[in-house]
Every structure is written in C-alpha cells, then in structure tokens.
Amino acid sequence: MDFLVQLAEESQGPLLALQLELMRCEISNEHMEKVVTYLARSIGIVHYIRRIPYGLRNYRFFIPIDLMSKYNLNSRNPV
C-alpha cells in the first residue's frame, strides 16, 4: 500500500504543483505543501481505483500483493 501512495504522490504531485504555479499560487508555504501532497495522494488513489474494472476485463488485478494474499484473491478469480 505504501508503494501505491508513493506512486500516486509522485505522479500527481508535480501536476498539481504546476497547476498552482500557473495560477500564481505560491507553494513554498509548509501548509500548502502538505495540502498538495495529500491531494496528490488522494487523486492518484482515486485514479487507481477507477482503473480496476478495466484491469479486471483484461485479467489484470492491480491490488497490492499483501492485500491480495490477505483476502485470498488472484487475477484469474478476482471475486
């Protein structure tokens, strides 16, 4: 799960920072940096969740391995 959060932050964080910069908002403030980080994580995870049905149609189940083993899931029998 930590990998998913890190990936979401790294993929969405720069995009949010760029959008704020284009709107001439300064993100050098510590509180603003935290907001951007949490928002990037949230948006990235929501994008990931929205892609799950597409992955299931192609027998790809992009859930972290620890969660899959905890709930006894695999990509061929996701339900």
PDB file of N, CA and C in Angstrom:
ATOM      1  N   MET A   1       0.824  -1.186   0.000  1.00  0.00           N
ATOM      2  CA  MET A   1       0.000   0.000   0.000  1.00  0.00           C
ATOM      3  C   MET A   1       0.875   1.259   0.000  1.00  0.00           C
ATOM      4  N   ASP A   2       2.022   1.145   0.649  1.00  0.00           N
ATOM      5  CA  ASP A   2       2.933   2.292   0.670  1.00  0.00           C
ATOM      6  C   ASP A   2       3.420   2.632  -0.731  1.00  0.00           C
ATOM      7  N   PHE A   3       3.635   1.583  -1.549  1.00  0.00           N
ATOM      8  CA  PHE A   3       4.074   1.807  -2.920  1.00  0.00           C
ATOM      9  C   PHE A   3       3.007   2.557  -3.714  1.00  0.00           C
ATOM     10  N   LEU A   4       1.747   2.196  -3.507  1.00  0.00           N
ATOM     11  CA  LEU A   4       0.651   2.860  -4.201  1.00  0.00           C
ATOM     12  C   LEU A   4       0.568   4.331  -3.814  1.00  0.00           C
ATOM     13  N   VAL A   5       0.725   4.620  -2.540  1.00  0.00           N
ATOM     14  CA  VAL A   5       0.684   6.009  -2.068  1.00  0.00           C
ATOM     15  C   VAL A   5       1.857   6.794  -2.647  1.00  0.00           C
ATOM     16  N   GLN A   6       3.041   6.185  -2.651  1.00  0.00           N
ATOM     17  CA  GLN A   6       4.220   6.858  -3.193  1.00  0.00           C
ATOM     18  C   GLN A   6       4.059   7.111  -4.684  1.00  0.00           C
ATOM     19  N   LEU A   7       3.566   6.119  -5.413  1.00  0.00           N
ATOM     20  CA  LEU A   7       3.353   6.271  -6.846  1.00  0.00           C
ATOM     21  C   LEU A   7       2.335   7.368  -7.137  1.00  0.00           C
ATOM     22  N   ALA A   8       1.256   7.402  -6.368  1.00  0.00           N
ATOM     23  CA  ALA A   8       0.229   8.434  -6.554  1.00  0.00           C
ATOM     24  C   ALA A   8       0.808   9.816  -6.291  1.00  0.00           C
ATOM     25  N   GLU A   9       1.605   9.930  -5.247  1.00  0.00           N
ATOM     26  CA  GLU A   9       2.197  11.227  -4.898  1.00  0.00           C
ATOM     27  C   GLU A   9       3.185  11.681  -5.966  1.00  0.00           C
ATOM     28  N   GLU A  10       3.989  10.751  -6.464  1.00  0.00           N
ATOM     29  CA  GLU A  10       4.997  11.113  -7.459  1.00  0.00           C
ATOM     30  C   GLU A  10       4.398  11.422  -8.823  1.00  0.00           C
ATOM     31  N   SER A  11       3.268  10.817  -9.142  1.00  0.00           N
ATOM     32  CA  SER A  11       2.675  11.061 -10.456  1.00  0.00           C
ATOM     33  C   SER A  11       1.765  12.294 -10.458  1.00  0.00           C
ATOM     34  N   GLN A  12       1.042  12.510  -9.383  1.00  0.00           N
ATOM     35  CA  GLN A  12       0.085  13.616  -9.354  1.00  0.00           C
ATOM     36  C   GLN A  12       0.652  14.888  -8.720  1.00  0.00           C
ATOM     37  N   GLY A  13       1.637  14.755  -7.846  1.00  0.00           N
ATOM     38  CA  GLY A  13       2.206  15.909  -7.147  1.00  0.00           C
ATOM     39  C   GLY A  13       2.765  16.975  -8.068  1.00  0.00           C
ATOM     40  N   PRO A  14       3.631  16.597  -9.018  1.00  0.00           N
ATOM     41  CA  PRO A  14       4.158  17.620  -9.922  1.00  0.00           C
ATOM     42  C   PRO A  14       3.078  18.293 -10.770  1.00  0.00           C
ATOM     43  N   LEU A  15       2.056  17.539 -11.149  1.00  0.00           N
ATOM     44  CA  LEU A  15       0.967  18.140 -11.940  1.00  0.00           C
ATOM     45  C   LEU A  15       0.204  19.179 -11.124  1.00  0.00           C
ATOM     46  N   LEU A  16      -0.073  18.856  -9.865  1.00  0.00           N
ATOM     47  CA  LEU A  16      -0.762  19.824  -9.006  1.00  0.00           C
ATOM     48  C   LEU A  16       0.107  21.045  -8.738  1.00  0.00           C
ATOM     49  N   ALA A  17       1.392  20.823  -8.515  1.00  0.00           N
ATOM     50  CA  ALA A  17       2.306  21.941  -8.277  1.00  0.00           C
ATOM     51  C   ALA A  17       2.365  22.855  -9.498  1.00  0.00           C
ATOM     52  N   LEU A  18       2.384  22.254 -10.683  1.00  0.00           N
ATOM     53  CA  LEU A  18       2.397  23.048 -11.913  1.00  0.00           C
ATOM     54  C   LEU A  18       1.112  23.843 -12.062  1.00  0.00           C
ATOM     55  N   GLN A  19      -0.027  23.221 -11.775  1.00  0.00           N
ATOM     56  CA  GLN A  19      -1.300  23.937 -11.865  1.00  0.00           C
ATOM     57  C   GLN A  19      -1.342  25.117 -10.902  1.00  0.00           C
ATOM     58  N   LEU A  20      -0.872  24.906  -9.686  1.00  0.00           N
ATOM     59  CA  LEU A  20      -0.844  26.003  -8.724  1.00  0.00           C
ATOM     60  C   LEU A  20       0.111  27.104  -9.160  1.00  0.00           C
ATOM     61  N   GLU A  21       1.228  26.719  -9.735  1.00  0.00           N
ATOM     62  CA  GLU A  21       2.195  27.701 -10.214  1.00  0.00           C
ATOM     63  C   GLU A  21       1.612  28.526 -11.352  1.00  0.00           C
ATOM     64  N   LEU A  22       0.851  27.856 -12.241  1.00  0.00           N
ATOM     65  CA  LEU A  22       0.213  28.575 -13.339  1.00  0.00           C
ATOM     66  C   LEU A  22      -0.848  29.547 -12.840  1.00  0.00           C
ATOM     67  N   MET A  23      -1.452  29.233 -11.695  1.00  0.00           N
ATOM     68  CA  MET A  23      -2.438  30.134 -11.099  1.00  0.00           C
ATOM     69  C   MET A  23      -1.782  31.166 -10.184  1.00  0.00           C
ATOM     70  N   ARG A  24      -0.448  31.179 -10.194  1.00  0.00           N
ATOM     71  CA  ARG A  24       0.363  32.114  -9.410  1.00  0.00           C
ATOM     72  C   ARG A  24       0.158  31.970  -7.906  1.00  0.00           C
ATOM     73  N   CYS A  25      -0.079  30.742  -7.466  1.00  0.00           N
ATOM     74  CA  CYS A  25      -0.160  30.433  -6.033  1.00  0.00           C
ATOM     75  C   CYS A  25       1.206  29.928  -5.588  1.00  0.00           C
ATOM     76  N   GLU A  26       1.692  30.452  -4.507  1.00  0.00           N
ATOM     77  CA  GLU A  26       2.991  30.012  -4.009  1.00  0.00           C
ATOM     78  C   GLU A  26       2.813  28.774  -3.149  1.00  0.00           C
ATOM     79  N   ILE A  27       3.614  27.751  -3.424  1.00  0.00           N
ATOM     80  CA  ILE A  27       3.524  26.524  -2.639  1.00  0.00           C
ATOM     81  C   ILE A  27       4.725  26.374  -1.718  1.00  0.00           C
ATOM     82  N   SER A  28       5.452  27.452  -1.498  1.00  0.00           N
ATOM     83  CA  SER A  28       6.612  27.384  -0.618  1.00  0.00           C
ATOM     84  C   SER A  28       6.191  27.313   0.848  1.00  0.00           C
ATOM     85  N   ASN A  29       4.944  27.598   1.117  1.00  0.00           N
ATOM     86  CA  ASN A  29       4.409  27.519   2.474  1.00  0.00           C
ATOM     87  C   ASN A  29       4.313  26.055   2.897  1.00  0.00           C
ATOM     88  N   GLU A  30       4.663  25.749   4.135  1.00  0.00           N
ATOM     89  CA  GLU A  30       4.646  24.373   4.630  1.00  0.00           C
ATOM     90  C   GLU A  30       3.242  23.776   4.587  1.00  0.00           C
ATOM     91  N   HIS A  31       2.248  24.569   4.921  1.00  0.00           N
ATOM     92  CA  HIS A  31       0.871  24.076   4.921  1.00  0.00           C
ATOM     93  C   HIS A  31       0.402  23.785   3.497  1.00  0.00           C
ATOM     94  N   MET A  32       0.791  24.620   2.561  1.00  0.00           N
ATOM     95  CA  MET A  32       0.398  24.415   1.166  1.00  0.00           C
ATOM     96  C   MET A  32       1.068  23.166   0.604  1.00  0.00           C
ATOM     97  N   GLU A  33       2.304  22.897   0.998  1.00  0.00           N
ATOM     98  CA  GLU A  33       2.991  21.689   0.544  1.00  0.00           C
ATOM     99  C   GLU A  33       2.280  20.440   1.055  1.00  0.00           C
ATOM    100  N   LYS A  34       1.815  20.481   2.297  1.00  0.00           N
ATOM    101  CA  LYS A  34       1.076  19.348   2.849  1.00  0.00           C
ATOM    102  C   LYS A  34      -0.235  19.136   2.102  1.00  0.00           C
ATOM    103  N   VAL A  35      -0.919  20.220   1.781  1.00  0.00           N
ATOM    104  CA  VAL A  35      -2.180  20.124   1.044  1.00  0.00           C
ATOM    105  C   VAL A  35      -1.940  19.498  -0.327  1.00  0.00           C
ATOM    106  N   VAL A  36      -0.903  19.945  -1.006  1.00  0.00           N
ATOM    107  CA  VAL A  36      -0.585  19.399  -2.328  1.00  0.00           C
ATOM    108  C   VAL A  36      -0.253  17.911  -2.212  1.00  0.00           C
ATOM    109  N   THR A  37       0.511  17.533  -1.188  1.00  0.00           N
ATOM    110  CA  THR A  37       0.879  16.128  -1.001  1.00  0.00           C
ATOM    111  C   THR A  37      -0.346  15.265  -0.766  1.00  0.00           C
ATOM    112  N   TYR A  38      -1.199  15.675   0.163  1.00  0.00           N
ATOM    113  CA  TYR A  38      -2.395  14.875   0.457  1.00  0.00           C
ATOM    114  C   TYR A  38      -3.360  14.834  -0.721  1.00  0.00           C
ATOM    115  N   LEU A  39      -3.489  15.932  -1.409  1.00  0.00           N
ATOM    116  CA  LEU A  39      -4.370  15.974  -2.572  1.00  0.00           C
ATOM    117  C   LEU A  39      -3.830  15.093  -3.702  1.00  0.00           C
ATOM    118  N   ALA A  40      -2.523  15.117  -3.899  1.00  0.00           N
ATOM    119  CA  ALA A  40      -1.911  14.272  -4.929  1.00  0.00           C
ATOM    120  C   ALA A  40      -2.123  12.801  -4.603  1.00  0.00           C
ATOM    121  N   ARG A  41      -1.949  12.424  -3.348  1.00  0.00           N
ATOM    122  CA  ARG A  41      -2.182  11.035  -2.948  1.00  0.00           C
ATOM    123  C   ARG A  41      -3.632  10.643  -3.200  1.00  0.00           C
ATOM    124  N   SER A  42      -4.541  11.508  -2.810  1.00  0.00           N
ATOM    125  CA  SER A  42      -5.967  11.206  -2.962  1.00  0.00           C
ATOM    126  C   SER A  42      -6.357  11.049  -4.428  1.00  0.00           C
ATOM    127  N   ILE A  43      -5.939  11.976  -5.257  1.00  0.00           N
ATOM    128  CA  ILE A  43      -6.270  11.918  -6.679  1.00  0.00           C
ATOM    129  C   ILE A  43      -5.651  10.679  -7.320  1.00  0.00           C
ATOM    130  N   GLY A  44      -4.414  10.384  -6.980  1.00  0.00           N
ATOM    131  CA  GLY A  44      -3.750   9.218  -7.546  1.00  0.00           C
ATOM    132  C   GLY A  44      -4.433   7.917  -7.170  1.00  0.00           C
ATOM    133  N   ILE A  45      -4.850   7.795  -5.914  1.00  0.00           N
ATOM    134  CA  ILE A  45      -5.526   6.574  -5.468  1.00  0.00           C
ATOM    135  C   ILE A  45      -6.902   6.449  -6.114  1.00  0.00           C
ATOM    136  N   VAL A  46      -7.605   7.558  -6.266  1.00  0.00           N
ATOM    137  CA  VAL A  46      -8.918   7.526  -6.929  1.00  0.00           C
ATOM    138  C   VAL A  46      -8.751   7.107  -8.395  1.00  0.00           C
ATOM    139  N   HIS A  47      -7.733   7.620  -9.073  1.00  0.00           N
ATOM    140  CA  HIS A  47      -7.478   7.202 -10.457  1.00  0.00           C
ATOM    141  C   HIS A  47      -7.195   5.708 -10.515  1.00  0.00           C
ATOM    142  N   TYR A  48      -6.432   5.232  -9.550  1.00  0.00           N
ATOM    143  CA  TYR A  48      -6.111   3.805  -9.492  1.00  0.00           C
ATOM    144  C   TYR A  48      -7.384   2.974  -9.313  1.00  0.00           C
ATOM    145  N   ILE A  49      -8.253   3.386  -8.413  1.00  0.00           N
ATOM    146  CA  ILE A  49      -9.499   2.647  -8.154  1.00  0.00           C
ATOM    147  C   ILE A  49     -10.400   2.669  -9.385  1.00  0.00           C
ATOM    148  N   ARG A  50     -10.431   3.789 -10.085  1.00  0.00           N
ATOM    149  CA  ARG A  50     -11.272   3.883 -11.272  1.00  0.00           C
ATOM    150  C   ARG A  50     -10.791   2.972 -12.397  1.00  0.00           C
ATOM    151  N   ARG A  51      -9.490   2.607 -12.411  1.00  0.00           N
ATOM    152  CA  ARG A  51      -8.961   1.725 -13.454  1.00  0.00           C
ATOM    153  C   ARG A  51      -9.165   0.250 -13.150  1.00  0.00           C
ATOM    154  N   ILE A  52      -9.626  -0.101 -11.965  1.00  0.00           N
ATOM    155  CA  ILE A  52      -9.773  -1.510 -11.588  1.00  0.00           C
ATOM    156  C   ILE A  52     -10.717  -2.268 -12.533  1.00  0.00           C
ATOM    157  N   PRO A  53     -11.907  -1.758 -12.878  1.00  0.00           N
ATOM    158  CA  PRO A  53     -12.785  -2.520 -13.785  1.00  0.00           C
ATOM    159  C   PRO A  53     -12.138  -2.819 -15.136  1.00  0.00           C
ATOM    160  N   TYR A  54     -11.397  -1.873 -15.685  1.00  0.00           N
ATOM    161  CA  TYR A  54     -10.712  -2.115 -16.956  1.00  0.00           C
ATOM    162  C   TYR A  54      -9.680  -3.226 -16.795  1.00  0.00           C
ATOM    163  N   GLY A  55      -8.937  -3.194 -15.725  1.00  0.00           N
ATOM    164  CA  GLY A  55      -7.947  -4.232 -15.478  1.00  0.00           C
ATOM    165  C   GLY A  55      -8.574  -5.601 -15.306  1.00  0.00           C
ATOM    166  N   LEU A  56      -9.716  -5.663 -14.653  1.00  0.00           N
ATOM    167  CA  LEU A  56     -10.397  -6.946 -14.456  1.00  0.00           C
ATOM    168  C   LEU A  56     -10.864  -7.539 -15.779  1.00  0.00           C
ATOM    169  N   ARG A  57     -11.289  -6.701 -16.691  1.00  0.00           N
ATOM    170  CA  ARG A  57     -11.716  -7.203 -18.002  1.00  0.00           C
ATOM    171  C   ARG A  57     -10.556  -7.850 -18.748  1.00  0.00           C
ATOM    172  N   ASN A  58      -9.350  -7.420 -18.458  1.00  0.00           N
ATOM    173  CA  ASN A  58      -8.157  -7.961 -19.120  1.00  0.00           C
ATOM    174  C   ASN A  58      -7.366  -8.887 -18.199  1.00  0.00           C
ATOM    175  N   TYR A  59      -8.002  -9.399 -17.167  1.00  0.00           N
ATOM    176  CA  TYR A  59      -7.390 -10.310 -16.202  1.00  0.00           C
ATOM    177  C   TYR A  59      -6.147  -9.722 -15.546  1.00  0.00           C
ATOM    178  N   ARG A  60      -6.169  -8.442 -15.313  1.00  0.00           N
ATOM    179  CA  ARG A  60      -5.098  -7.795 -14.562  1.00  0.00           C
ATOM    180  C   ARG A  60      -5.732  -7.202 -13.317  1.00  0.00           C
ATOM    181  N   PHE A  61      -5.188  -7.565 -12.207  1.00  0.00           N
ATOM    182  CA  PHE A  61      -5.760  -7.151 -10.930  1.00  0.00           C
ATOM    183  C   PHE A  61      -4.680  -6.419 -10.159  1.00  0.00           C
ATOM    184  N   PHE A  62      -4.671  -5.111 -10.259  1.00  0.00           N
ATOM    185  CA  PHE A  62      -3.600  -4.307  -9.697  1.00  0.00           C
ATOM    186  C   PHE A  62      -3.878  -3.921  -8.249  1.00  0.00           C
ATOM    187  N   ILE A  63      -3.923  -4.905  -7.397  1.00  0.00           N
ATOM    188  CA  ILE A  63      -4.084  -4.699  -5.963  1.00  0.00           C
ATOM    189  C   ILE A  63      -2.761  -5.124  -5.326  1.00  0.00           C
ATOM    190  N   PRO A  64      -2.291  -4.423  -4.320  1.00  0.00           N
ATOM    191  CA  PRO A  64      -1.043  -4.825  -3.677  1.00  0.00           C
ATOM    192  C   PRO A  64      -1.070  -6.286  -3.236  1.00  0.00           C
ATOM    193  N   ILE A  65       0.064  -6.961  -3.380  1.00  0.00           N
ATOM    194  CA  ILE A  65       0.156  -8.394  -3.113  1.00  0.00           C
ATOM    195  C   ILE A  65      -0.227  -8.728  -1.675  1.00  0.00           C
ATOM    196  N   ASP A  66       0.140  -7.888  -0.729  1.00  0.00           N
ATOM    197  CA  ASP A  66      -0.204  -8.191   0.662  1.00  0.00           C
ATOM    198  C   ASP A  66      -1.714  -8.200   0.880  1.00  0.00           C
ATOM    199  N   LEU A  67      -2.442  -7.306   0.213  1.00  0.00           N
ATOM    200  CA  LEU A  67      -3.902  -7.309   0.332  1.00  0.00           C
ATOM    201  C   LEU A  67      -4.516  -8.492  -0.411  1.00  0.00           C
ATOM    202  N   MET A  68      -3.931  -8.847  -1.547  1.00  0.00           N
ATOM    203  CA  MET A  68      -4.455  -9.989  -2.292  1.00  0.00           C
ATOM    204  C   MET A  68      -4.294 -11.276  -1.496  1.00  0.00           C
ATOM    205  N   SER A  69      -3.156 -11.454  -0.849  1.00  0.00           N
ATOM    206  CA  SER A  69      -2.958 -12.674  -0.065  1.00  0.00           C
ATOM    207  C   SER A  69      -3.816 -12.667   1.200  1.00  0.00           C
ATOM    208  N   LYS A  70      -4.033 -11.501   1.770  1.00  0.00           N
ATOM    209  CA  LYS A  70      -4.859 -11.399   2.978  1.00  0.00           C
ATOM    210  C   LYS A  70      -6.287 -11.840   2.704  1.00  0.00           C
ATOM    211  N   TYR A  71      -6.825 -11.469   1.535  1.00  0.00           N
ATOM    212  CA  TYR A  71      -8.212 -11.793   1.193  1.00  0.00           C
ATOM    213  C   TYR A  71      -8.321 -12.937   0.190  1.00  0.00           C
ATOM    214  N   ASN A  72      -7.211 -13.657  -0.056  1.00  0.00           N
ATOM    215  CA  ASN A  72      -7.188 -14.821  -0.918  1.00  0.00           C
ATOM    216  C   ASN A  72      -7.721 -14.518  -2.325  1.00  0.00           C
ATOM    217  N   LEU A  73      -7.158 -13.503  -2.964  1.00  0.00           N
ATOM    218  CA  LEU A  73      -7.557 -13.103  -4.312  1.00  0.00           C
ATOM    219  C   LEU A  73      -6.451 -13.413  -5.305  1.00  0.00           C
ATOM    220  N   ASN A  74      -6.834 -13.610  -6.563  1.00  0.00           N
ATOM    221  CA  ASN A  74      -5.857 -13.705  -7.635  1.00  0.00           C
ATOM    222  C   ASN A  74      -6.449 -13.077  -8.896  1.00  0.00           C
ATOM    223  N   SER A  75      -5.639 -12.917  -9.928  1.00  0.00           N
ATOM    224  CA  SER A  75      -6.113 -12.198 -11.115  1.00  0.00           C
ATOM    225  C   SER A  75      -7.084 -13.016 -11.960  1.00  0.00           C
ATOM    226  N   ARG A  76      -7.074 -14.315 -11.861  1.00  0.00           N
ATOM    227  CA  ARG A  76      -7.994 -15.145 -12.648  1.00  0.00           C
ATOM    228  C   ARG A  76      -9.346 -15.312 -11.986  1.00  0.00           C
ATOM    229  N   ASN A  77      -9.402 -15.149 -10.694  1.00  0.00           N
ATOM    230  CA  ASN A  77     -10.654 -15.286  -9.953  1.00  0.00           C
ATOM    231  C   ASN A  77     -10.760 -14.134  -8.947  1.00  0.00           C
ATOM    232  N   PRO A  78     -11.023 -12.907  -9.431  1.00  0.00           N
ATOM    233  CA  PRO A  78     -10.966 -11.742  -8.563  1.00  0.00           C
ATOM    234  C   PRO A  78     -12.112 -11.631  -7.574  1.00  0.00           C
ATOM    235  N   VAL A  79     -13.204 -12.328  -7.782  1.00  0.00           N
ATOM    236  CA  VAL A  79     -14.347 -12.170  -6.874  1.00  0.00           C
ATOM    237  C   VAL A  79     -14.422 -13.309  -5.908  1.00  0.00           C
TER     238      VAL A  79
END
